[in-house]
Amino acid sequence: MDTSTLLYTGLGLLAATLGTAYTLLVLWSPDTIFPKPSEKTYRSPRKPSAKLPLPSVRDSPSVDLTVVIPAYNETARLPDMFSTTLAHLEATRTSQRRSYEVLVVDDGSRDGTADLALKLGAQYPQSDVRVVVLEKNVGKGGAVRHGMLHGRGRRLLMVDADGASRFEDLELLWKAMDEISPKGEAAVVVGSRAHLVKTEAVVKRSLLRNVLMYGLHTILRVVGVGHIRDTQCGFKLFSRRAAQQIFPHQHLATWIFDVELLLLAKELRMPVAEVPIEWHEVGGSKLHVFKDSLQMLRDLLVLRANLLLGRWTTERGESGSGL
């Protein structure tokens, strides 16, 4: 076989490999999530049977803080979390005159999570609790995105329904946001558990979870968010401008969506502050460590490839936000 034949054969194999890789990328890339008509409405404890239209994050803010709680089959863990959350929000509403809303996004639960959230909200008549029900389970990232796209707050907080993060540490994130976004500029503050790595809270976790955690951190440095020590903590605060610019362009609805949010913030040159918070392990996690870790790895590769190839961008009008 002469040199030219080898060259053409090599080029053919390369083209086939690249074509296969691109086809897999397209197949593995999630479709844009468009909300169903019912998902553009919410219920409240004040009118539990009425379905009211949700506002848009593009509207002018009407409260100081939106708390977005993604919830999937959370009847066991939500009551304690709700009690702690609402107690703090009510305290700051009185002491600091900080108005708020709580937006629970039921991610297709089958255990009555939405109805429970309405009952819990009714225990705080001064609060503004809103419950949105997604018709099917789309994933934590999709539920967070939906809530953020319909929040009314000047600042918007995403927080897990398990209550693992100490909610009072919102004040630490709030202070950091005051420093990097004094006039409401686009900015993000993330709660961090990195300082707990050698403490009992993390050491007590299973060996597999800790090995996978260190492996994930290594991959994240390669992906481009190594500057954030803890990307996965479910306690993040966004200015309204940041939410307006980030969430319409979010594609991933799975566990690794936090990385996409931080990569988008980096691409948009937003300041991101990382603040240590208190955190403890809570039972009942929906995360299947080995299976979901493999999915996280695949999604990280899909995310990075789409960004590098320009298939996913932050250009206005590129992604269907569903608003």
C-alpha atoms as a PDB file:
ATOM      1  CA  MET A   1       0.000   0.000   0.000  1.00  0.00           C
ATOM      2  CA  ASP A   2       1.547   3.285  -1.090  1.00  0.00           C
ATOM      3  CA  THR A   3       1.775   6.501   0.953  1.00  0.00           C
ATOM      4  CA  SER A   4      -1.146   8.253  -0.734  1.00  0.00           C
ATOM      5  CA  THR A   5      -3.442   5.278  -0.090  1.00  0.00           C
ATOM      6  CA  LEU A   6      -2.429   5.214   3.572  1.00  0.00           C
ATOM      7  CA  LEU A   7      -3.059   8.946   3.803  1.00  0.00           C
ATOM      8  CA  TYR A   8      -6.536   8.709   2.300  1.00  0.00           C
ATOM      9  CA  THR A   9      -7.369   5.705   4.476  1.00  0.00           C
ATOM     10  CA  GLY A  10      -6.244   7.587   7.575  1.00  0.00           C
ATOM     11  CA  LEU A  11      -8.251  10.657   6.616  1.00  0.00           C
ATOM     12  CA  GLY A  12     -11.285   8.484   5.949  1.00  0.00           C
ATOM     13  CA  LEU A  13     -11.002   6.837   9.358  1.00  0.00           C
ATOM     14  CA  LEU A  14     -10.549  10.233  11.008  1.00  0.00           C
ATOM     15  CA  ALA A  15     -13.609  11.629   9.230  1.00  0.00           C
ATOM     16  CA  ALA A  16     -15.666   8.577  10.216  1.00  0.00           C
ATOM     17  CA  THR A  17     -14.534   8.876  13.831  1.00  0.00           C
ATOM     18  CA  LEU A  18     -15.326  12.576  13.987  1.00  0.00           C
ATOM     19  CA  GLY A  19     -18.663  11.994  12.295  1.00  0.00           C
ATOM     20  CA  THR A  20     -19.558   9.274  14.776  1.00  0.00           C
ATOM     21  CA  ALA A  21     -18.491  11.453  17.705  1.00  0.00           C
ATOM     22  CA  TYR A  22     -20.579  14.365  16.435  1.00  0.00           C
ATOM     23  CA  THR A  23     -23.594  12.095  15.898  1.00  0.00           C
ATOM     24  CA  LEU A  24     -23.278  10.797  19.471  1.00  0.00           C
ATOM     25  CA  LEU A  25     -23.001  14.380  20.718  1.00  0.00           C
ATOM     26  CA  VAL A  26     -26.226  15.333  18.962  1.00  0.00           C
ATOM     27  CA  LEU A  27     -28.001  12.212  20.237  1.00  0.00           C
ATOM     28  CA  TRP A  28     -26.785  12.668  23.814  1.00  0.00           C
ATOM     29  CA  SER A  29     -27.489  16.409  23.940  1.00  0.00           C
ATOM     30  CA  PRO A  30     -30.782  17.105  25.741  1.00  0.00           C
ATOM     31  CA  ASP A  31     -33.593  18.866  23.960  1.00  0.00           C
ATOM     32  CA  THR A  32     -34.594  22.346  25.063  1.00  0.00           C
ATOM     33  CA  ILE A  33     -37.230  22.120  27.769  1.00  0.00           C
ATOM     34  CA  PHE A  34     -40.455  23.912  26.913  1.00  0.00           C
ATOM     35  CA  PRO A  35     -43.028  24.114  29.712  1.00  0.00           C
ATOM     36  CA  LYS A  36     -46.520  22.704  29.312  1.00  0.00           C
ATOM     37  CA  PRO A  37     -49.436  25.167  29.721  1.00  0.00           C
ATOM     38  CA  SER A  38     -50.216  23.824  33.206  1.00  0.00           C
ATOM     39  CA  GLU A  39     -46.588  24.392  34.239  1.00  0.00           C
ATOM     40  CA  LYS A  40     -46.960  28.109  33.638  1.00  0.00           C
ATOM     41  CA  THR A  41     -49.364  28.308  36.571  1.00  0.00           C
ATOM     42  CA  TYR A  42     -49.017  27.996  40.321  1.00  0.00           C
ATOM     43  CA  ARG A  43     -51.183  27.369  43.369  1.00  0.00           C
ATOM     44  CA  SER A  44     -50.927  29.073  46.743  1.00  0.00           C
ATOM     45  CA  PRO A  45     -52.152  28.188  50.255  1.00  0.00           C
ATOM     46  CA  ARG A  46     -54.484  31.172  50.081  1.00  0.00           C
ATOM     47  CA  LYS A  47     -56.249  29.769  47.003  1.00  0.00           C
ATOM     48  CA  PRO A  48     -55.182  26.113  46.781  1.00  0.00           C
ATOM     49  CA  SER A  49     -57.690  25.215  44.085  1.00  0.00           C
ATOM     50  CA  ALA A  50     -56.967  28.207  41.832  1.00  0.00           C
ATOM     51  CA  LYS A  51     -54.294  28.024  39.131  1.00  0.00           C
ATOM     52  CA  LEU A  52     -52.747  31.447  38.742  1.00  0.00           C
ATOM     53  CA  PRO A  53     -50.367  32.580  35.964  1.00  0.00           C
ATOM     54  CA  LEU A  54     -46.673  32.630  36.766  1.00  0.00           C
ATOM     55  CA  PRO A  55     -44.690  35.810  36.149  1.00  0.00           C
ATOM     56  CA  SER A  56     -41.436  35.922  34.180  1.00  0.00           C
ATOM     57  CA  VAL A  57     -37.902  36.601  35.380  1.00  0.00           C
ATOM     58  CA  ARG A  58     -37.819  39.200  32.609  1.00  0.00           C
ATOM     59  CA  ASP A  59     -40.414  41.267  34.480  1.00  0.00           C
ATOM     60  CA  SER A  60     -39.392  43.906  37.004  1.00  0.00           C
ATOM     61  CA  PRO A  61     -38.781  42.424  40.481  1.00  0.00           C
ATOM     62  CA  SER A  62     -41.534  42.761  43.057  1.00  0.00           C
ATOM     63  CA  VAL A  63     -39.937  41.089  46.115  1.00  0.00           C
ATOM     64  CA  ASP A  64     -36.436  41.128  47.551  1.00  0.00           C
ATOM     65  CA  LEU A  65     -35.863  37.369  47.488  1.00  0.00           C
ATOM     66  CA  THR A  66     -37.173  34.327  45.651  1.00  0.00           C
ATOM     67  CA  VAL A  67     -36.378  30.962  47.235  1.00  0.00           C
ATOM     68  CA  VAL A  68     -36.574  28.159  44.661  1.00  0.00           C
ATOM     69  CA  ILE A  69     -36.984  24.668  46.139  1.00  0.00           C
ATOM     70  CA  PRO A  70     -36.852  21.775  43.642  1.00  0.00           C
ATOM     71  CA  ALA A  71     -38.756  18.833  45.106  1.00  0.00           C
ATOM     72  CA  TYR A  72     -39.214  15.262  43.941  1.00  0.00           C
ATOM     73  CA  ASN A  73     -41.046  12.897  46.306  1.00  0.00           C
ATOM     74  CA  GLU A  74     -40.046  14.970  49.330  1.00  0.00           C
ATOM     75  CA  THR A  75     -42.902  14.406  51.792  1.00  0.00           C
ATOM     76  CA  ALA A  76     -40.485  12.909  54.329  1.00  0.00           C
ATOM     77  CA  ARG A  77     -37.842  15.650  54.262  1.00  0.00           C
ATOM     78  CA  LEU A  78     -39.753  18.783  53.305  1.00  0.00           C
ATOM     79  CA  PRO A  79     -41.498  19.522  56.665  1.00  0.00           C
ATOM     80  CA  ASP A  80     -38.287  20.059  58.665  1.00  0.00           C
ATOM     81  CA  MET A  81     -36.670  22.014  55.839  1.00  0.00           C
ATOM     82  CA  PHE A  82     -39.770  24.166  55.420  1.00  0.00           C
ATOM     83  CA  SER A  83     -39.945  24.923  59.137  1.00  0.00           C
ATOM     84  CA  THR A  84     -36.332  26.116  59.279  1.00  0.00           C
ATOM     85  CA  THR A  85     -36.607  28.066  56.018  1.00  0.00           C
ATOM     86  CA  LEU A  86     -39.829  29.893  56.792  1.00  0.00           C
ATOM     87  CA  ALA A  87     -38.745  30.689  60.352  1.00  0.00           C
ATOM     88  CA  HIS A  88     -35.655  32.478  59.046  1.00  0.00           C
ATOM     89  CA  LEU A  89     -37.470  34.211  56.210  1.00  0.00           C
ATOM     90  CA  GLU A  90     -40.131  35.486  58.588  1.00  0.00           C
ATOM     91  CA  ALA A  91     -37.476  36.701  61.017  1.00  0.00           C
ATOM     92  CA  THR A  92     -35.645  38.672  58.329  1.00  0.00           C
ATOM     93  CA  ARG A  93     -38.928  39.986  56.946  1.00  0.00           C
ATOM     94  CA  THR A  94     -39.585  41.516  60.361  1.00  0.00           C
ATOM     95  CA  SER A  95     -36.073  42.608  61.313  1.00  0.00           C
ATOM     96  CA  GLN A  96     -34.746  43.667  57.899  1.00  0.00           C
ATOM     97  CA  ARG A  97     -37.999  44.278  56.028  1.00  0.00           C
ATOM     98  CA  ARG A  98     -36.844  41.786  53.415  1.00  0.00           C
ATOM     99  CA  SER A  99     -39.821  40.652  51.364  1.00  0.00           C
ATOM    100  CA  TYR A 100     -39.755  37.167  49.906  1.00  0.00           C
ATOM    101  CA  GLU A 101     -41.543  34.397  48.088  1.00  0.00           C
ATOM    102  CA  VAL A 102     -40.999  30.654  48.272  1.00  0.00           C
ATOM    103  CA  LEU A 103     -41.417  28.826  44.970  1.00  0.00           C
ATOM    104  CA  VAL A 104     -41.665  25.062  45.369  1.00  0.00           C
ATOM    105  CA  VAL A 105     -41.232  23.274  42.033  1.00  0.00           C
ATOM    106  CA  ASP A 106     -42.681  19.784  42.283  1.00  0.00           C
ATOM    107  CA  ASP A 107     -40.693  17.786  39.747  1.00  0.00           C
ATOM    108  CA  GLY A 108     -43.379  15.256  38.848  1.00  0.00           C
ATOM    109  CA  SER A 109     -43.680  13.764  42.349  1.00  0.00           C
ATOM    110  CA  ARG A 110     -45.977  10.830  43.052  1.00  0.00           C
ATOM    111  CA  ASP A 111     -46.200  11.110  46.840  1.00  0.00           C
ATOM    112  CA  GLY A 112     -48.272  14.264  47.308  1.00  0.00           C
ATOM    113  CA  THR A 113     -45.323  16.657  47.660  1.00  0.00           C
ATOM    114  CA  ALA A 114     -47.244  19.568  46.112  1.00  0.00           C
ATOM    115  CA  ASP A 115     -50.233  19.204  48.418  1.00  0.00           C
ATOM    116  CA  LEU A 116     -47.946  18.919  51.423  1.00  0.00           C
ATOM    117  CA  ALA A 117     -46.113  22.104  50.408  1.00  0.00           C
ATOM    118  CA  LEU A 118     -49.453  23.922  50.274  1.00  0.00           C
ATOM    119  CA  LYS A 119     -50.357  22.664  53.754  1.00  0.00           C
ATOM    120  CA  LEU A 120     -46.981  23.678  55.147  1.00  0.00           C
ATOM    121  CA  GLY A 121     -47.273  27.110  53.561  1.00  0.00           C
ATOM    122  CA  ALA A 122     -50.688  27.598  55.153  1.00  0.00           C
ATOM    123  CA  GLN A 123     -49.006  27.444  58.559  1.00  0.00           C
ATOM    124  CA  TYR A 124     -47.339  30.773  57.734  1.00  0.00           C
ATOM    125  CA  PRO A 125     -50.222  33.064  56.708  1.00  0.00           C
ATOM    126  CA  GLN A 126     -47.906  36.050  56.253  1.00  0.00           C
ATOM    127  CA  SER A 127     -45.711  34.171  53.792  1.00  0.00           C
ATOM    128  CA  ASP A 128     -45.983  34.005  50.006  1.00  0.00           C
ATOM    129  CA  VAL A 129     -45.645  30.331  49.112  1.00  0.00           C
ATOM    130  CA  ARG A 130     -46.238  29.257  45.524  1.00  0.00           C
ATOM    131  CA  VAL A 131     -46.310  25.681  44.283  1.00  0.00           C
ATOM    132  CA  VAL A 132     -45.684  24.698  40.671  1.00  0.00           C
ATOM    133  CA  VAL A 133     -46.196  21.128  39.469  1.00  0.00           C
ATOM    134  CA  LEU A 134     -44.249  19.785  36.489  1.00  0.00           C
ATOM    135  CA  GLU A 135     -46.216  17.166  34.585  1.00  0.00           C
ATOM    136  CA  LYS A 136     -43.313  14.723  34.504  1.00  0.00           C
ATOM    137  CA  ASN A 137     -39.979  14.351  36.251  1.00  0.00           C
ATOM    138  CA  VAL A 138     -37.353  16.286  34.307  1.00  0.00           C
ATOM    139  CA  GLY A 139     -34.550  16.315  36.881  1.00  0.00           C
ATOM    140  CA  LYS A 140     -33.377  18.649  39.599  1.00  0.00           C
ATOM    141  CA  GLY A 141     -31.715  21.019  37.146  1.00  0.00           C
ATOM    142  CA  GLY A 142     -34.887  21.350  35.123  1.00  0.00           C
ATOM    143  CA  ALA A 143     -36.928  22.101  38.245  1.00  0.00           C
ATOM    144  CA  VAL A 144     -34.450  24.750  39.393  1.00  0.00           C
ATOM    145  CA  ARG A 145     -34.420  26.322  35.941  1.00  0.00           C
ATOM    146  CA  HIS A 146     -38.212  26.476  35.853  1.00  0.00           C
ATOM    147  CA  GLY A 147     -38.353  28.189  39.223  1.00  0.00           C
ATOM    148  CA  MET A 148     -35.640  30.678  38.348  1.00  0.00           C
ATOM    149  CA  LEU A 149     -37.344  31.627  35.091  1.00  0.00           C
ATOM    150  CA  HIS A 150     -40.499  32.517  37.008  1.00  0.00           C
ATOM    151  CA  GLY A 151     -39.139  34.134  40.167  1.00  0.00           C
ATOM    152  CA  ARG A 152     -40.028  37.679  41.189  1.00  0.00           C
ATOM    153  CA  GLY A 153     -37.046  38.382  43.431  1.00  0.00           C
ATOM    154  CA  ARG A 154     -34.266  40.928  43.125  1.00  0.00           C
ATOM    155  CA  ARG A 155     -32.152  38.018  44.241  1.00  0.00           C
ATOM    156  CA  LEU A 156     -32.955  34.351  43.712  1.00  0.00           C
ATOM    157  CA  LEU A 157     -31.775  31.490  45.891  1.00  0.00           C
ATOM    158  CA  MET A 158     -31.794  27.825  44.927  1.00  0.00           C
ATOM    159  CA  VAL A 159     -31.843  25.478  47.912  1.00  0.00           C
ATOM    160  CA  ASP A 160     -32.267  21.721  48.212  1.00  0.00           C
ATOM    161  CA  ALA A 161     -35.420  20.329  49.794  1.00  0.00           C
ATOM    162  CA  ASP A 162     -33.464  18.053  52.136  1.00  0.00           C
ATOM    163  CA  GLY A 163     -32.416  20.859  54.481  1.00  0.00           C
ATOM    164  CA  ALA A 164     -28.762  19.766  54.426  1.00  0.00           C
ATOM    165  CA  SER A 165     -27.507  23.340  54.094  1.00  0.00           C
ATOM    166  CA  ARG A 166     -28.020  25.569  57.115  1.00  0.00           C
ATOM    167  CA  PHE A 167     -30.553  28.077  55.835  1.00  0.00           C
ATOM    168  CA  GLU A 168     -29.414  30.830  58.193  1.00  0.00           C
ATOM    169  CA  ASP A 169     -26.189  30.942  56.170  1.00  0.00           C
ATOM    170  CA  LEU A 170     -28.192  32.773  53.531  1.00  0.00           C
ATOM    171  CA  GLU A 171     -26.978  35.867  55.357  1.00  0.00           C
ATOM    172  CA  LEU A 172     -23.377  34.999  54.479  1.00  0.00           C
ATOM    173  CA  LEU A 173     -24.300  34.704  50.816  1.00  0.00           C
ATOM    174  CA  TRP A 174     -26.335  37.914  51.025  1.00  0.00           C
ATOM    175  CA  LYS A 175     -23.355  39.836  52.416  1.00  0.00           C
ATOM    176  CA  ALA A 176     -21.075  38.492  49.695  1.00  0.00           C
ATOM    177  CA  MET A 177     -23.629  39.506  47.064  1.00  0.00           C
ATOM    178  CA  ASP A 178     -23.725  43.016  48.522  1.00  0.00           C
ATOM    179  CA  GLU A 179     -19.980  43.196  47.922  1.00  0.00           C
ATOM    180  CA  ILE A 180     -19.818  41.898  44.331  1.00  0.00           C
ATOM    181  CA  SER A 181     -23.189  43.222  43.140  1.00  0.00           C
ATOM    182  CA  PRO A 182     -23.888  46.433  45.056  1.00  0.00           C
ATOM    183  CA  LYS A 183     -26.167  47.806  42.338  1.00  0.00           C
ATOM    184  CA  GLY A 184     -27.763  44.576  41.192  1.00  0.00           C
ATOM    185  CA  GLU A 185     -25.128  43.699  38.615  1.00  0.00           C
ATOM    186  CA  ALA A 186     -25.062  40.141  37.257  1.00  0.00           C
ATOM    187  CA  ALA A 187     -23.314  38.029  39.890  1.00  0.00           C
ATOM    188  CA  VAL A 188     -23.457  34.638  41.604  1.00  0.00           C
ATOM    189  CA  VAL A 189     -22.615  33.538  45.144  1.00  0.00           C
ATOM    190  CA  VAL A 190     -22.243  29.813  45.833  1.00  0.00           C
ATOM    191  CA  GLY A 191     -22.366  28.105  49.176  1.00  0.00           C
ATOM    192  CA  SER A 192     -19.369  25.854  49.682  1.00  0.00           C
ATOM    193  CA  ARG A 193     -18.685  22.713  51.705  1.00  0.00           C
ATOM    194  CA  ALA A 194     -15.023  22.602  50.697  1.00  0.00           C
ATOM    195  CA  HIS A 195     -13.909  23.522  54.217  1.00  0.00           C
ATOM    196  CA  LEU A 196     -15.659  20.385  55.509  1.00  0.00           C
ATOM    197  CA  VAL A 197     -13.603  17.914  53.469  1.00  0.00           C
ATOM    198  CA  LYS A 198     -11.644  16.634  56.476  1.00  0.00           C
ATOM    199  CA  THR A 199     -14.483  16.939  58.966  1.00  0.00           C
ATOM    200  CA  GLU A 200     -16.850  14.280  60.265  1.00  0.00           C
ATOM    201  CA  ALA A 201     -19.647  15.489  57.959  1.00  0.00           C
ATOM    202  CA  VAL A 202     -17.717  14.273  54.900  1.00  0.00           C
ATOM    203  CA  VAL A 203     -15.491  11.571  56.409  1.00  0.00           C
ATOM    204  CA  LYS A 204     -18.606   9.635  57.484  1.00  0.00           C
ATOM    205  CA  ARG A 205     -19.817   9.371  53.897  1.00  0.00           C
ATOM    206  CA  SER A 206     -19.212   6.106  52.060  1.00  0.00           C
ATOM    207  CA  LEU A 207     -15.780   5.453  50.542  1.00  0.00           C
ATOM    208  CA  LEU A 208     -17.330   5.249  47.068  1.00  0.00           C
ATOM    209  CA  ARG A 209     -18.973   8.662  47.416  1.00  0.00           C
ATOM    210  CA  ASN A 210     -15.737  10.278  48.564  1.00  0.00           C
ATOM    211  CA  VAL A 211     -13.675   8.631  45.794  1.00  0.00           C
ATOM    212  CA  LEU A 212     -16.187   9.821  43.213  1.00  0.00           C
ATOM    213  CA  MET A 213     -16.152  13.300  44.772  1.00  0.00           C
ATOM    214  CA  TYR A 214     -12.388  13.625  44.328  1.00  0.00           C
ATOM    215  CA  GLY A 215     -12.629  12.226  40.812  1.00  0.00           C
ATOM    216  CA  LEU A 216     -15.335  14.755  39.927  1.00  0.00           C
ATOM    217  CA  HIS A 217     -13.194  17.619  41.222  1.00  0.00           C
ATOM    218  CA  THR A 218     -10.316  16.492  38.996  1.00  0.00           C
ATOM    219  CA  ILE A 219     -12.569  16.402  35.935  1.00  0.00           C
ATOM    220  CA  LEU A 220     -14.019  19.818  36.772  1.00  0.00           C
ATOM    221  CA  ARG A 221     -10.574  21.366  36.664  1.00  0.00           C
ATOM    222  CA  VAL A 222     -10.231  20.035  33.118  1.00  0.00           C
ATOM    223  CA  VAL A 223     -13.711  21.209  32.139  1.00  0.00           C
ATOM    224  CA  GLY A 224     -13.004  24.765  33.259  1.00  0.00           C
ATOM    225  CA  VAL A 225     -14.549  25.377  36.674  1.00  0.00           C
ATOM    226  CA  GLY A 226     -11.618  24.330  38.823  1.00  0.00           C
ATOM    227  CA  HIS A 227     -11.612  27.808  40.353  1.00  0.00           C
ATOM    228  CA  ILE A 228     -14.751  26.825  42.294  1.00  0.00           C
ATOM    229  CA  ARG A 229     -13.925  24.327  45.034  1.00  0.00           C
ATOM    230  CA  ASP A 230     -17.504  23.104  45.489  1.00  0.00           C
ATOM    231  CA  THR A 231     -19.677  23.261  42.396  1.00  0.00           C
ATOM    232  CA  GLN A 232     -22.364  20.855  43.614  1.00  0.00           C
ATOM    233  CA  CYS A 233     -23.607  22.460  46.813  1.00  0.00           C
ATOM    234  CA  GLY A 234     -27.354  23.076  46.447  1.00  0.00           C
ATOM    235  CA  PHE A 235     -27.228  26.552  47.964  1.00  0.00           C
ATOM    236  CA  LYS A 236     -26.605  29.271  45.375  1.00  0.00           C
ATOM    237  CA  LEU A 237     -27.689  32.920  45.193  1.00  0.00           C
ATOM    238  CA  PHE A 238     -28.163  34.799  41.905  1.00  0.00           C
ATOM    239  CA  SER A 239     -28.775  38.455  41.255  1.00  0.00           C
ATOM    240  CA  ARG A 240     -31.782  38.984  39.025  1.00  0.00           C
ATOM    241  CA  ARG A 241     -29.590  40.056  36.121  1.00  0.00           C
ATOM    242  CA  ALA A 242     -27.558  36.888  36.484  1.00  0.00           C
ATOM    243  CA  ALA A 243     -30.709  34.752  36.466  1.00  0.00           C
ATOM    244  CA  GLN A 244     -31.978  36.574  33.377  1.00  0.00           C
ATOM    245  CA  GLN A 245     -28.724  35.887  31.527  1.00  0.00           C
ATOM    246  CA  ILE A 246     -27.945  32.347  32.709  1.00  0.00           C
ATOM    247  CA  PHE A 247     -31.106  30.272  33.030  1.00  0.00           C
ATOM    248  CA  PRO A 248     -32.626  30.809  29.558  1.00  0.00           C
ATOM    249  CA  HIS A 249     -29.431  29.200  28.206  1.00  0.00           C
ATOM    250  CA  GLN A 250     -29.290  26.240  30.593  1.00  0.00           C
ATOM    251  CA  HIS A 251     -29.642  22.896  28.830  1.00  0.00           C
ATOM    252  CA  LEU A 252     -28.800  20.234  31.419  1.00  0.00           C
ATOM    253  CA  ALA A 253     -31.567  19.109  33.746  1.00  0.00           C
ATOM    254  CA  THR A 254     -29.550  16.381  35.464  1.00  0.00           C
ATOM    255  CA  TRP A 255     -27.403  16.446  38.609  1.00  0.00           C
ATOM    256  CA  ILE A 256     -24.444  18.148  36.908  1.00  0.00           C
ATOM    257  CA  PHE A 257     -26.455  21.235  35.906  1.00  0.00           C
ATOM    258  CA  ASP A 258     -24.611  23.316  38.532  1.00  0.00           C
ATOM    259  CA  VAL A 259     -21.450  23.064  36.442  1.00  0.00           C
ATOM    260  CA  GLU A 260     -23.253  24.404  33.401  1.00  0.00           C
ATOM    261  CA  LEU A 261     -24.527  27.377  35.425  1.00  0.00           C
ATOM    262  CA  LEU A 262     -21.008  28.201  36.579  1.00  0.00           C
ATOM    263  CA  LEU A 263     -19.555  27.778  33.100  1.00  0.00           C
ATOM    264  CA  LEU A 264     -22.208  30.125  31.726  1.00  0.00           C
ATOM    265  CA  ALA A 265     -21.384  32.656  34.438  1.00  0.00           C
ATOM    266  CA  LYS A 266     -17.697  32.363  33.516  1.00  0.00           C
ATOM    267  CA  GLU A 267     -18.441  32.768  29.808  1.00  0.00           C
ATOM    268  CA  LEU A 268     -20.536  35.848  30.596  1.00  0.00           C
ATOM    269  CA  ARG A 269     -17.679  37.221  32.769  1.00  0.00           C
ATOM    270  CA  MET A 270     -19.836  37.407  35.873  1.00  0.00           C
ATOM    271  CA  PRO A 271     -18.160  37.627  39.275  1.00  0.00           C
ATOM    272  CA  VAL A 272     -18.678  34.458  41.314  1.00  0.00           C
ATOM    273  CA  ALA A 273     -18.009  34.349  45.043  1.00  0.00           C
ATOM    274  CA  GLU A 274     -17.672  31.149  47.064  1.00  0.00           C
ATOM    275  CA  VAL A 275     -18.738  31.273  50.703  1.00  0.00           C
ATOM    276  CA  PRO A 276     -18.253  28.514  53.319  1.00  0.00           C
ATOM    277  CA  ILE A 277     -21.524  27.300  54.847  1.00  0.00           C
ATOM    278  CA  GLU A 278     -22.544  24.679  57.360  1.00  0.00           C
ATOM    279  CA  TRP A 279     -23.842  21.440  55.911  1.00  0.00           C
ATOM    280  CA  HIS A 280     -24.770  17.974  57.167  1.00  0.00           C
ATOM    281  CA  GLU A 281     -25.653  14.684  55.518  1.00  0.00           C
ATOM    282  CA  VAL A 282     -29.390  13.974  55.297  1.00  0.00           C
ATOM    283  CA  GLY A 283     -30.784  10.546  54.481  1.00  0.00           C
ATOM    284  CA  GLY A 284     -33.174   9.897  51.613  1.00  0.00           C
ATOM    285  CA  SER A 285     -31.013  11.130  48.737  1.00  0.00           C
ATOM    286  CA  LYS A 286     -32.336  10.397  45.247  1.00  0.00           C
ATOM    287  CA  LEU A 287     -28.757  10.165  43.944  1.00  0.00           C
ATOM    288  CA  HIS A 288     -27.719   6.686  42.787  1.00  0.00           C
ATOM    289  CA  VAL A 289     -23.999   7.095  43.256  1.00  0.00           C
ATOM    290  CA  PHE A 290     -22.510   4.820  40.585  1.00  0.00           C
ATOM    291  CA  LYS A 291     -25.179   5.173  37.880  1.00  0.00           C
ATOM    292  CA  ASP A 292     -25.548   8.925  38.293  1.00  0.00           C
ATOM    293  CA  SER A 293     -21.778   9.413  38.389  1.00  0.00           C
ATOM    294  CA  LEU A 294     -21.505   7.811  34.958  1.00  0.00           C
ATOM    295  CA  GLN A 295     -24.285  10.074  33.722  1.00  0.00           C
ATOM    296  CA  MET A 296     -22.493  13.087  35.222  1.00  0.00           C
ATOM    297  CA  LEU A 297     -19.324  12.177  33.328  1.00  0.00           C
ATOM    298  CA  ARG A 298     -21.234  11.819  30.067  1.00  0.00           C
ATOM    299  CA  ASP A 299     -23.077  15.099  30.642  1.00  0.00           C
ATOM    300  CA  LEU A 300     -19.829  16.911  31.415  1.00  0.00           C
ATOM    301  CA  LEU A 301     -18.373  15.736  28.111  1.00  0.00           C
ATOM    302  CA  VAL A 302     -21.566  16.725  26.275  1.00  0.00           C
ATOM    303  CA  LEU A 303     -21.557  20.126  27.973  1.00  0.00           C
ATOM    304  CA  ARG A 304     -17.925  20.911  27.191  1.00  0.00           C
ATOM    305  CA  ALA A 305     -18.172  19.677  23.589  1.00  0.00           C
ATOM    306  CA  ASN A 306     -21.308  21.715  22.855  1.00  0.00           C
ATOM    307  CA  LEU A 307     -19.718  24.855  24.271  1.00  0.00           C
ATOM    308  CA  LEU A 308     -16.447  24.332  22.389  1.00  0.00           C
ATOM    309  CA  LEU A 309     -18.243  23.660  19.108  1.00  0.00           C
ATOM    310  CA  GLY A 310     -20.566  26.617  19.562  1.00  0.00           C
ATOM    311  CA  ARG A 311     -23.734  24.503  19.513  1.00  0.00           C
ATOM    312  CA  TRP A 312     -24.665  25.971  22.905  1.00  0.00           C
ATOM    313  CA  THR A 313     -24.011  29.668  23.325  1.00  0.00           C
ATOM    314  CA  THR A 314     -25.182  32.580  25.445  1.00  0.00           C
ATOM    315  CA  GLU A 315     -26.134  34.671  22.432  1.00  0.00           C
ATOM    316  CA  ARG A 316     -29.560  36.224  22.828  1.00  0.00           C
ATOM    317  CA  GLY A 317     -32.214  34.175  21.088  1.00  0.00           C
ATOM    318  CA  GLU A 318     -30.079  31.038  20.767  1.00  0.00           C
ATOM    319  CA  SER A 319     -31.928  28.914  23.269  1.00  0.00           C
ATOM    320  CA  GLY A 320     -35.655  28.537  23.683  1.00  0.00           C
ATOM    321  CA  SER A 321     -36.291  29.576  27.269  1.00  0.00           C
ATOM    322  CA  GLY A 322     -39.901  28.570  27.282  1.00  0.00           C
ATOM    323  CA  LEU A 323     -40.911  31.906  28.778  1.00  0.00           C
END
